[in-house]
Amino acid sequence: MSGDSTAPSAVTLDPSREPIVVVDDLYITYRVYGGSAGKGNAVTALGRVVRGKKRPSMKEVRAIQGLSFVAYRGDAIGVIGTNGSGKSTLLKAIAGLLPPERGGVYTNGQPSLLGVNAALMNDLTGERNIVLGCLAMGMTPEQVKQKYDEIVKFAGLKEGFIQLPMRAYSSGMGSRLRFAIAASKSHDVLLIDEALATGDAKFRRKSAKKIDELRGEAGAVFLVAHQLDSIKEMCNRVLWIDEGTLVMDGDTDTVVDAYTEATGK
């Protein structure tokens, strides 16, 4: 995904490393139609049309403002910041789900976004979700069979739960299964948005080991998480974002310590 090709680049590449994601002077703007409560409701919108009223006023919100960095092959990058700082927006932009207003995002390979609401179907069993999830990632039926037992074991599901519909799972069980499915395949760029938030300490340790493996096998991993311990366990580098701008980019301990001191978290 590219943006303004005529603007000068805001990034500097390290010639000794292979870039896998380049975010170059990126701006993302949301357009929000505001006003009184209910203005976004379809019934009230139809009523406005019938009465000949104009649509509500539009407000622009800059979610990402001039963000630039390069991720290299083998990086595991934590993305930290307070709520509403632009972390999830950044991952969606890297995944190609949000167009840039200005600047651009360039990836060497296919990004895969794993969010806390990743598409598992509540009415289907864990078993069926594993099969469908793996097929959706491009695995063959034979590869799914080969990976199935490994996924179930990694997710640590209690005996019998794999045959139950997902709506019977706790949030932690669903989170573990989502990650286990995503991590069963190497990704060019794996984007993890709070998908490990409900995992326990034991699962986070397993996840950290798996992320290390994914870094070695493929491209780069991005992790958005509020638990700074998870960031320290899993990432070699951290981006600190505030109000859509990059506050700091550096090694994990340095950035996390600065963030903790500044925010008291």
Protein backbone atom coordinates (compact mmCIF):
# COMPACT_ATOMS: atom_id res chain seq x y z
CA MET A 1 0.00 0.00 0.00
CA SER A 2 1.52 3.27 -1.00
CA GLY A 3 0.80 6.91 -0.39
CA ASP A 4 2.28 10.13 -1.74
CA SER A 5 5.15 9.00 -3.96
CA THR A 6 6.26 12.56 -4.71
CA ALA A 7 6.94 13.57 -1.10
CA PRO A 8 10.48 13.14 0.27
CA SER A 9 10.93 10.04 2.41
CA ALA A 10 10.91 10.53 6.18
CA VAL A 11 12.67 7.22 6.90
CA THR A 12 16.29 6.11 6.84
CA LEU A 13 17.10 2.50 5.95
CA ASP A 14 19.84 0.39 7.51
CA PRO A 15 21.67 -1.09 4.48
CA SER A 16 22.90 -4.04 6.55
CA ARG A 17 19.38 -5.30 7.31
CA GLU A 18 16.38 -6.40 5.24
CA PRO A 19 13.38 -4.05 5.62
CA ILE A 20 10.03 -5.79 5.81
CA VAL A 21 7.70 -2.91 6.79
CA VAL A 22 8.29 0.75 5.97
CA VAL A 23 5.92 3.35 7.43
CA ASP A 24 6.73 6.67 5.78
CA ASP A 25 5.24 9.94 7.10
CA LEU A 26 1.88 8.24 7.64
CA TYR A 27 -1.32 10.17 8.34
CA ILE A 28 -4.64 8.43 9.05
CA THR A 29 -7.81 10.49 9.55
CA TYR A 30 -11.20 9.28 10.76
CA ARG A 31 -14.28 11.21 9.69
CA VAL A 32 -16.90 11.16 12.43
CA TYR A 33 -20.42 12.43 11.94
CA GLY A 34 -21.41 13.97 15.26
CA GLY A 35 -24.26 15.77 16.88
CA SER A 36 -27.06 14.62 19.14
CA ALA A 37 -27.44 11.05 20.33
CA GLY A 38 -28.94 8.66 17.82
CA LYS A 39 -27.64 10.45 14.73
CA GLY A 40 -25.82 7.27 13.69
CA ASN A 41 -28.96 5.12 13.96
CA ALA A 42 -30.41 3.90 10.65
CA VAL A 43 -34.01 4.67 11.67
CA THR A 44 -33.23 8.26 12.69
CA ALA A 45 -31.15 8.72 9.54
CA LEU A 46 -34.13 7.64 7.41
CA GLY A 47 -36.31 10.05 9.34
CA ARG A 48 -33.94 12.91 8.51
CA VAL A 49 -34.14 12.02 4.81
CA VAL A 50 -37.96 11.94 4.90
CA ARG A 51 -38.08 15.30 6.70
CA GLY A 52 -35.53 16.79 4.34
CA LYS A 53 -32.98 17.48 7.06
CA LYS A 54 -29.27 17.67 6.31
CA ARG A 55 -26.85 15.01 7.50
CA PRO A 56 -25.11 15.76 10.83
CA SER A 57 -21.92 17.79 10.88
CA MET A 58 -18.69 15.95 10.15
CA LYS A 59 -15.62 16.08 12.39
CA GLU A 60 -12.15 14.92 11.35
CA VAL A 61 -10.03 13.10 13.92
CA ARG A 62 -6.33 12.59 13.19
CA ALA A 63 -5.56 9.10 14.51
CA ILE A 64 -2.00 8.89 13.09
CA GLN A 65 0.08 12.00 12.47
CA GLY A 66 3.34 11.84 10.52
CA LEU A 67 4.45 8.42 11.79
CA SER A 68 7.65 6.99 10.28
CA PHE A 69 9.75 3.90 11.07
CA VAL A 70 11.24 0.79 9.48
CA ALA A 71 10.74 -2.77 10.72
CA TYR A 72 13.39 -5.28 9.68
CA ARG A 73 13.26 -9.03 9.18
CA GLY A 74 13.45 -10.72 12.57
CA ASP A 75 12.05 -7.79 14.57
CA ALA A 76 9.44 -8.34 17.27
CA ILE A 77 8.09 -4.86 17.87
CA GLY A 78 5.91 -3.88 20.80
CA VAL A 79 3.54 -0.95 20.30
CA ILE A 80 2.63 0.85 23.53
CA GLY A 81 0.64 3.93 24.49
CA THR A 82 -2.43 4.99 26.40
CA ASN A 83 -5.96 4.20 25.19
CA GLY A 84 -6.76 6.09 22.01
CA SER A 85 -3.13 6.76 21.15
CA GLY A 86 -3.39 5.13 17.70
CA LYS A 87 -1.90 1.65 18.34
CA SER A 88 -4.72 -0.38 16.77
CA THR A 89 -5.06 2.13 13.94
CA LEU A 90 -1.39 1.64 13.10
CA LEU A 91 -1.75 -2.14 12.92
CA LYS A 92 -4.84 -1.84 10.71
CA ALA A 93 -2.93 0.50 8.40
CA ILE A 94 -0.02 -1.97 8.14
CA ALA A 95 -2.55 -4.75 7.41
CA GLY A 96 -3.94 -2.67 4.52
CA LEU A 97 -7.34 -2.15 6.15
CA LEU A 98 -7.11 1.65 6.42
CA PRO A 99 -6.01 3.90 3.53
CA PRO A 100 -3.49 6.63 4.32
CA GLU A 101 -4.58 10.24 4.00
CA ARG A 102 -0.92 11.05 3.37
CA GLY A 103 2.34 9.15 3.35
CA GLY A 104 2.39 5.39 2.95
CA VAL A 105 2.89 1.89 4.28
CA TYR A 106 5.06 -0.54 2.33
CA THR A 107 5.34 -4.23 3.20
CA ASN A 108 7.55 -6.97 1.84
CA GLY A 109 5.04 -9.81 1.96
CA GLN A 110 1.51 -10.31 3.24
CA PRO A 111 0.55 -8.90 6.68
CA SER A 112 -1.81 -10.92 8.88
CA LEU A 113 -3.80 -9.15 11.62
CA LEU A 114 -4.77 -11.15 14.69
CA GLY A 115 -7.08 -9.10 16.89
CA VAL A 116 -8.89 -9.76 20.12
CA ASN A 117 -12.05 -10.18 18.03
CA ALA A 118 -10.41 -12.33 15.36
CA ALA A 119 -12.98 -14.09 13.25
CA LEU A 120 -13.82 -17.29 15.08
CA MET A 121 -17.46 -18.34 14.81
CA ASN A 122 -19.25 -18.70 18.14
CA ASP A 123 -21.80 -21.22 16.86
CA LEU A 124 -19.12 -23.60 15.55
CA THR A 125 -16.97 -25.93 17.63
CA GLY A 126 -13.33 -25.25 18.38
CA GLU A 127 -12.48 -28.10 16.02
CA ARG A 128 -14.37 -26.54 13.10
CA ASN A 129 -12.86 -23.14 13.84
CA ILE A 130 -9.36 -24.62 13.69
CA VAL A 131 -10.09 -26.16 10.30
CA LEU A 132 -11.68 -23.01 8.87
CA GLY A 133 -9.03 -20.72 10.35
CA CYS A 134 -6.18 -22.75 8.91
CA LEU A 135 -7.82 -23.02 5.50
CA ALA A 136 -8.39 -19.25 5.51
CA MET A 137 -4.64 -18.78 6.08
CA GLY A 138 -3.93 -20.78 2.93
CA MET A 139 -3.16 -24.22 4.36
CA THR A 140 -4.16 -27.33 2.45
CA PRO A 141 -6.52 -29.87 4.10
CA GLU A 142 -3.52 -32.16 4.59
CA GLN A 143 -1.55 -29.40 6.31
CA VAL A 144 -4.53 -28.73 8.59
CA LYS A 145 -4.55 -32.38 9.64
CA GLN A 146 -0.83 -32.23 10.37
CA LYS A 147 -1.17 -29.08 12.50
CA TYR A 148 -4.44 -29.91 14.28
CA ASP A 149 -3.09 -31.75 17.34
CA GLU A 150 -0.31 -29.19 17.77
CA ILE A 151 -2.85 -26.33 17.78
CA VAL A 152 -5.09 -28.02 20.35
CA LYS A 153 -2.13 -28.77 22.61
CA PHE A 154 -0.73 -25.26 22.33
CA ALA A 155 -4.12 -23.69 23.14
CA GLY A 156 -4.26 -25.78 26.31
CA LEU A 157 -8.00 -26.42 26.05
CA LYS A 158 -9.58 -28.57 28.72
CA GLU A 159 -10.61 -32.08 27.71
CA GLY A 160 -13.79 -32.12 25.66
CA PHE A 161 -13.93 -28.36 25.01
CA ILE A 162 -12.60 -28.69 21.48
CA GLN A 163 -15.92 -30.35 20.55
CA LEU A 164 -18.03 -27.58 22.12
CA PRO A 165 -19.20 -24.42 20.34
CA MET A 166 -17.01 -21.37 20.87
CA ARG A 167 -19.78 -19.58 22.79
CA ALA A 168 -19.10 -22.02 25.65
CA TYR A 169 -15.47 -20.86 25.90
CA SER A 170 -14.17 -18.35 28.40
CA SER A 171 -12.46 -15.24 27.02
CA GLY A 172 -9.09 -16.76 27.95
CA MET A 173 -9.81 -20.01 26.11
CA GLY A 174 -10.92 -18.11 23.00
CA SER A 175 -7.82 -15.93 23.15
CA ARG A 176 -5.51 -18.94 23.41
CA LEU A 177 -7.19 -20.72 20.51
CA ARG A 178 -7.01 -17.62 18.28
CA PHE A 179 -3.30 -17.27 18.89
CA ALA A 180 -2.65 -21.00 18.50
CA ILE A 181 -4.35 -21.00 15.09
CA ALA A 182 -2.50 -17.89 13.89
CA ALA A 183 0.86 -19.14 15.17
CA SER A 184 0.54 -22.51 13.43
CA LYS A 185 1.74 -20.90 10.21
CA SER A 186 4.70 -18.66 9.43
CA HIS A 187 3.70 -15.13 8.43
CA ASP A 188 5.51 -12.46 6.46
CA VAL A 189 4.23 -9.91 9.00
CA LEU A 190 2.16 -10.98 12.01
CA LEU A 191 0.18 -8.20 13.73
CA ILE A 192 -1.18 -9.09 17.18
CA ASP A 193 -3.66 -6.59 18.64
CA GLU A 194 -4.43 -7.37 22.29
CA ALA A 195 -5.10 -11.00 21.33
CA LEU A 196 -3.04 -12.21 24.30
CA ALA A 197 -4.69 -9.89 26.83
CA THR A 198 -6.68 -12.64 28.53
CA GLY A 199 -3.98 -15.29 28.52
CA ASP A 200 -2.46 -16.39 31.83
CA ALA A 201 1.23 -16.14 32.71
CA LYS A 202 1.99 -19.70 31.58
CA PHE A 203 0.39 -19.10 28.19
CA ARG A 204 2.22 -15.79 27.77
CA ARG A 205 5.52 -17.63 28.29
CA LYS A 206 4.53 -20.16 25.62
CA SER A 207 3.50 -17.31 23.35
CA ALA A 208 6.83 -15.55 23.85
CA LYS A 209 8.67 -18.71 22.80
CA LYS A 210 6.41 -19.11 19.76
CA ILE A 211 6.93 -15.49 18.71
CA ASP A 212 10.68 -16.08 18.86
CA GLU A 213 10.19 -19.03 16.50
CA LEU A 214 8.04 -16.96 14.14
CA ARG A 215 10.69 -14.23 14.05
CA GLY A 216 13.27 -16.81 13.05
CA GLU A 217 11.09 -18.45 10.41
CA ALA A 218 9.56 -15.45 8.71
CA GLY A 219 9.40 -11.68 8.78
CA ALA A 220 8.39 -9.39 11.62
CA VAL A 221 5.94 -9.50 14.51
CA PHE A 222 4.06 -6.49 15.93
CA LEU A 223 2.43 -6.77 19.35
CA VAL A 224 -0.03 -4.33 20.90
CA ALA A 225 -0.49 -5.10 24.59
CA HIS A 226 -1.25 -3.15 27.75
CA GLN A 227 0.72 -5.64 29.85
CA LEU A 228 4.24 -4.27 29.74
CA ASP A 229 5.57 -7.58 31.10
CA SER A 230 4.34 -9.26 27.90
CA ILE A 231 6.09 -6.61 25.80
CA LYS A 232 9.34 -7.16 27.70
CA GLU A 233 9.09 -10.94 27.32
CA MET A 234 8.28 -10.99 23.63
CA CYS A 235 9.81 -7.94 21.94
CA ASN A 236 13.30 -6.77 21.06
CA ARG A 237 12.10 -3.27 20.16
CA VAL A 238 9.27 -0.93 21.17
CA LEU A 239 7.38 1.95 19.56
CA TRP A 240 5.76 4.39 22.01
CA ILE A 241 2.86 6.24 20.38
CA ASP A 242 0.91 9.15 21.84
CA GLU A 243 -1.94 10.96 20.07
CA GLY A 244 -0.90 9.37 16.80
CA THR A 245 2.71 10.53 16.93
CA LEU A 246 5.87 8.57 17.62
CA VAL A 247 7.31 9.52 21.01
CA MET A 248 10.13 6.97 21.11
CA ASP A 249 11.51 4.04 19.10
CA GLY A 250 14.26 1.90 20.61
CA ASP A 251 15.25 -1.18 22.54
CA THR A 252 12.56 -2.64 24.77
CA ASP A 253 13.90 -1.85 28.24
CA THR A 254 14.80 1.76 27.40
CA VAL A 255 11.42 2.63 25.89
CA VAL A 256 9.31 0.75 28.44
CA ASP A 257 11.21 2.34 31.34
CA ALA A 258 10.73 5.82 29.82
CA TYR A 259 7.03 5.14 29.24
CA THR A 260 6.56 3.87 32.80
CA GLU A 261 8.30 6.91 34.26
CA ALA A 262 6.26 9.32 32.14
CA THR A 263 2.85 7.72 32.71
CA GLY A 264 3.28 6.11 36.14
CA LYS A 265 2.05 2.77 34.75
